[in-house]
Protein backbone atom coordinates (compact mmCIF):
# COMPACT_ATOMS: atom_id res chain seq x y z
CA MET A 1 96.15 103.29 110.89
CA GLU A 2 94.72 106.60 111.58
CA PRO A 3 90.65 106.25 110.59
CA ILE A 4 89.28 108.17 107.33
CA PHE A 5 86.32 109.68 106.47
CA ILE A 6 84.02 109.85 103.10
CA ALA A 7 81.44 112.10 103.79
CA GLY A 8 79.03 113.94 101.17
CA PRO A 9 75.73 114.12 99.67
CA CYS A 10 74.73 110.93 97.42
CA VAL A 11 74.69 113.07 94.21
CA ILE A 12 75.23 116.56 92.87
CA GLU A 13 72.07 118.42 93.09
CA SER A 14 73.75 122.24 93.33
CA GLN A 15 76.60 123.94 93.50
CA ALA A 16 74.98 125.49 96.78
CA LEU A 17 74.90 122.10 98.17
CA LEU A 18 78.28 121.25 97.69
CA ASP A 19 79.40 124.43 99.43
CA GLU A 20 76.89 123.89 102.77
CA VAL A 21 78.12 120.43 103.02
CA ALA A 22 81.68 121.35 102.17
CA ASP A 23 82.30 124.17 104.55
CA GLU A 24 81.08 121.58 107.78
CA LEU A 25 83.72 119.00 106.29
CA LEU A 26 86.28 121.42 106.42
CA ARG A 27 85.19 122.72 109.72
CA LEU A 28 85.19 119.23 111.01
CA HIS A 29 89.14 118.63 109.32
CA HIS A 30 90.39 121.44 111.47
CA LYS A 31 88.76 120.72 114.66
CA TYR A 32 89.40 117.18 115.09
CA ASN A 33 92.75 116.64 112.47
CA VAL A 34 91.33 113.87 110.72
CA LYS A 35 91.31 113.14 107.08
CA ILE A 36 87.71 114.14 105.51
CA TYR A 37 87.28 112.90 101.85
CA PHE A 38 84.39 114.82 100.17
CA LYS A 39 82.32 112.35 98.14
CA ALA A 40 79.41 113.24 95.40
CA SER A 41 78.54 111.42 92.55
CA PHE A 42 77.99 113.20 88.99
CA ASP A 43 75.90 110.80 88.11
CA LYS A 44 74.08 107.92 89.45
CA ALA A 45 73.80 105.18 87.24
CA ASN A 46 72.00 102.93 89.02
CA ARG A 47 68.66 104.33 89.88
CA THR A 48 66.02 102.14 90.50
CA SER A 49 63.47 104.03 88.07
CA LEU A 50 64.39 105.66 84.71
CA LYS A 51 62.25 108.81 86.03
CA SER A 52 65.10 109.04 89.07
CA PHE A 53 67.56 111.67 89.50
CA ARG A 54 70.84 111.30 88.19
CA GLY A 55 73.06 114.70 88.15
CA PRO A 56 74.47 116.76 86.01
CA GLY A 57 76.68 114.09 84.33
CA LEU A 58 80.61 113.68 83.66
CA GLU A 59 81.57 117.13 82.47
CA LYS A 60 79.57 119.62 84.15
CA GLY A 61 79.93 117.47 87.57
CA LEU A 62 83.57 117.54 87.35
CA GLN A 63 83.68 121.20 87.13
CA MET A 64 82.03 121.42 90.66
CA LEU A 65 84.13 119.06 91.99
CA GLN A 66 86.85 120.74 91.09
CA ASP A 67 85.34 124.18 92.59
CA VAL A 68 85.15 122.37 95.73
CA LYS A 69 88.86 121.43 95.47
CA ASP A 70 89.75 125.01 94.54
CA ARG A 71 87.88 126.60 97.51
CA TYR A 72 87.94 124.06 100.46
CA GLY A 73 91.26 121.94 100.19
CA LEU A 74 89.44 118.89 100.57
CA PRO A 75 90.42 115.48 98.61
CA LEU A 76 87.61 114.19 96.56
CA LEU A 77 86.28 110.74 95.95
CA THR A 78 83.61 110.09 93.18
CA ASP A 79 82.34 107.12 91.87
CA ILE A 80 82.39 106.06 88.45
CA HIS A 81 80.34 103.29 86.30
CA GLU A 82 82.05 103.31 82.94
CA SER A 83 85.75 102.38 82.46
CA TRP A 84 85.97 105.82 79.70
CA GLN A 85 84.71 108.01 82.63
CA ALA A 86 88.22 106.83 84.91
CA LYS A 87 90.78 108.99 82.85
CA PRO A 88 88.84 112.46 82.94
CA ALA A 89 87.26 111.65 86.47
CA GLY A 90 91.19 111.08 87.47
CA GLU A 91 92.28 113.72 86.83
CA VAL A 92 90.11 115.89 89.36
CA VAL A 93 89.49 113.06 92.24
CA ASP A 94 91.83 111.85 94.89
CA VAL A 95 90.29 108.24 94.79
CA LEU A 96 87.94 106.66 92.48
CA GLN A 97 85.36 104.49 93.66
CA ILE A 98 83.84 101.36 92.02
CA PRO A 99 80.34 100.71 92.97
CA ALA A 100 79.47 97.69 94.10
CA PHE A 101 77.30 95.96 91.70
CA LEU A 102 80.39 96.43 89.24
CA CYS A 103 82.84 95.37 91.55
CA ARG A 104 84.00 92.21 89.12
CA GLN A 105 83.53 94.74 86.11
CA THR A 106 87.40 94.01 85.12
CA ASP A 107 87.49 97.00 82.25
CA LEU A 108 86.38 99.09 84.80
CA LEU A 109 88.95 98.02 87.35
CA VAL A 110 91.51 98.25 85.11
CA ALA A 111 90.74 101.57 83.76
CA ALA A 112 90.28 102.95 87.69
CA SER A 113 94.08 101.29 88.17
CA GLN A 114 95.58 102.66 85.17
CA THR A 115 95.06 106.69 86.32
CA GLY A 116 97.54 105.66 89.26
CA LYS A 117 94.94 106.80 91.77
CA PRO A 118 93.93 105.14 94.97
CA VAL A 119 90.31 103.07 93.95
CA ASN A 120 87.99 102.41 96.53
CA ILE A 121 85.88 99.11 95.72
CA LYS A 122 82.71 98.39 97.48
CA LYS A 123 81.97 94.80 98.21
CA ALA A 124 78.93 93.80 95.94
CA GLN A 125 75.76 92.77 97.80
CA PHE A 126 76.12 89.28 95.90
CA LEU A 127 79.98 88.84 97.41
CA SER A 128 81.93 87.66 100.57
CA GLY A 129 84.39 89.50 101.94
CA VAL A 130 86.77 86.51 100.72
CA ASP A 131 85.67 86.88 97.36
CA MET A 132 86.71 90.41 97.13
CA LYS A 133 90.76 89.16 97.13
CA TYR A 134 90.21 88.64 93.18
CA PRO A 135 89.13 92.65 92.42
CA VAL A 136 91.42 93.70 94.50
CA GLU A 137 94.40 91.36 92.77
CA LYS A 138 93.05 93.14 89.56
CA CYS A 139 93.72 96.36 90.57
CA ARG A 140 97.11 95.57 92.03
CA GLU A 141 98.18 93.70 88.36
CA SER A 142 97.06 96.91 86.84
CA GLY A 143 98.91 99.63 88.51
CA ALA A 144 96.47 100.76 91.38
CA ALA A 145 98.79 103.39 93.85
CA ASP A 146 96.09 101.83 96.46
CA VAL A 147 93.30 99.68 96.68
CA TRP A 148 90.57 100.16 99.58
CA LEU A 149 87.68 97.81 100.27
CA THR A 150 84.38 99.20 101.60
CA GLU A 151 81.52 96.62 103.13
CA ARG A 152 78.15 97.65 102.58
CA GLY A 153 75.68 94.60 103.65
CA ASN A 154 74.61 91.97 101.26
CA MET A 155 70.97 91.16 100.19
CA TYR A 156 68.86 89.61 102.68
CA GLY A 157 65.62 88.71 101.52
CA TYR A 158 63.46 91.23 99.49
CA ASN A 159 64.02 95.05 99.72
CA ASN A 160 66.35 94.44 102.50
CA LEU A 161 70.33 94.16 103.62
CA ALA A 162 72.22 92.61 106.40
CA VAL A 163 75.57 93.22 107.49
CA ASP A 164 77.94 90.55 108.08
CA PHE A 165 81.01 92.33 110.13
CA ARG A 166 83.27 89.14 109.83
CA ASN A 167 83.33 90.60 105.97
CA ILE A 168 85.76 93.68 107.27
CA ALA A 169 88.09 91.38 108.87
CA ASP A 170 88.17 88.63 106.08
CA MET A 171 89.27 91.93 103.52
CA LYS A 172 91.39 93.17 106.07
CA GLN A 173 93.25 90.54 104.41
CA TYR A 174 93.98 91.79 101.11
CA ALA A 175 93.79 95.65 101.56
CA GLU A 176 94.88 97.53 104.82
CA ARG A 177 92.28 100.39 104.40
CA VAL A 178 88.48 98.79 104.99
CA ILE A 179 85.67 100.86 105.25
CA MET A 180 82.37 100.96 106.52
CA ASP A 181 79.53 102.09 104.34
CA CYS A 182 77.26 103.39 107.07
CA THR A 183 74.89 104.81 105.28
CA HIS A 184 74.18 102.22 102.24
CA SER A 185 73.90 99.19 104.88
CA VAL A 186 70.58 100.76 106.01
CA GLN A 187 69.27 101.03 102.92
CA ARG A 188 65.65 99.40 101.98
CA PRO A 189 66.63 98.78 97.90
CA GLY A 190 63.85 99.54 95.88
CA ALA A 191 61.10 99.55 99.13
CA ALA A 192 59.86 103.08 98.60
CA ASP A 193 57.56 102.66 95.50
CA GLY A 194 60.09 103.02 93.10
CA LYS A 195 62.86 104.53 94.76
CA THR A 196 65.19 103.18 97.52
CA GLY A 197 64.34 103.40 101.14
CA GLY A 198 66.07 103.20 104.37
CA ASN A 199 66.64 103.60 108.03
CA ARG A 200 69.16 106.18 109.03
CA GLU A 201 68.55 105.59 113.01
CA PHE A 202 70.59 102.81 112.78
CA VAL A 203 73.88 104.58 110.96
CA PRO A 204 75.44 105.64 114.57
CA ALA A 205 75.49 101.96 115.43
CA MET A 206 76.75 100.51 112.03
CA ALA A 207 79.75 102.60 112.49
CA LEU A 208 80.39 101.91 115.93
CA ALA A 209 80.18 98.08 115.29
CA ALA A 210 82.40 98.30 112.23
CA LYS A 211 85.01 99.88 114.46
CA ALA A 212 84.64 97.08 116.90
CA PHE A 213 85.59 94.64 113.81
CA GLY A 214 88.73 97.17 113.13
CA ALA A 215 87.09 98.94 110.25
CA ASN A 216 89.55 102.12 109.47
CA GLY A 217 87.44 104.00 107.49
CA TYR A 218 83.99 105.29 107.27
CA PHE A 219 81.65 106.51 104.56
CA PHE A 220 78.54 108.06 105.41
CA GLU A 221 76.06 110.06 102.46
CA ILE A 222 75.27 113.53 104.50
CA HIS A 223 72.81 116.17 103.70
CA PRO A 224 71.34 119.30 105.50
CA ASP A 225 67.41 117.65 104.25
CA PRO A 226 67.72 114.35 103.59
CA GLU A 227 64.07 114.51 103.45
CA LYS A 228 64.13 116.65 100.21
CA ALA A 229 67.47 114.70 98.42
CA LEU A 230 66.98 114.02 95.21
CA SER A 231 68.75 110.64 95.93
CA ASP A 232 69.33 108.10 98.90
CA GLY A 233 67.46 110.20 101.30
CA PRO A 234 66.11 107.74 104.03
CA ASN A 235 69.11 106.35 104.56
CA MET A 236 71.42 109.70 104.57
CA LEU A 237 72.61 111.66 107.59
CA TYR A 238 71.65 115.23 108.32
CA LEU A 239 74.39 117.29 108.12
CA LYS A 240 73.55 118.65 111.72
CA ASP A 241 73.97 114.92 113.46
CA PHE A 242 77.55 114.12 111.36
CA GLU A 243 80.03 115.77 114.00
CA GLU A 244 78.27 113.69 116.99
CA VAL A 245 79.24 110.77 115.03
CA VAL A 246 82.58 111.32 114.00
CA LYS A 247 83.38 111.91 117.51
CA SER A 248 81.64 108.83 118.69
CA LEU A 249 84.43 107.27 116.10
CA LEU A 250 87.35 109.04 117.54
């Protein structure tokens, strides 16, 4: 199975940011003949602090994502947090993503599946790869066009994550497409004074280790200037560095 890439800023900050990132992803798509899904969130509903930036919201956010699709022709992926968001989001994006903390929420999984779009389920930080059998079953029995699974690390002590790469092999029992979330897996949750910290220097190695364990998809949050990003800056890759990571995986 040919690898796919999912990449984009954590949250929609501005149309200018979406355009800058989409332009680079389109260039890489043509240069390397690889499928790249553009990812950005219209609402970050699980931020550490009530004061954290959440995004433009469903209506405006979907309009901005539609503009990216119209101008650049890239397929889209976005995450939903509530079941009522599935239908309108599914009318715009190509893949609906279920956040890790919500991967067992039956109503959310069913609503996403009933759109007929592929559903990418992130494995919860408190579950094993084998546990993902049941979310996959919920989606397939509810009519999902396809189900993908994404590894993003497990909680390990306080404010830290660890990745057990055996989960990739385990999840391939249940889904043909198993993706490594190479940037969220280096997070330090809640470790930056009310925000999430992270160690982006480990992202390229995370991706290569996942490839060795059989991953056939790679998820990256990228930004022209992560230090000024409004969400997840410490674990996002610099946009200028993304091409080298793509090359290493191909």
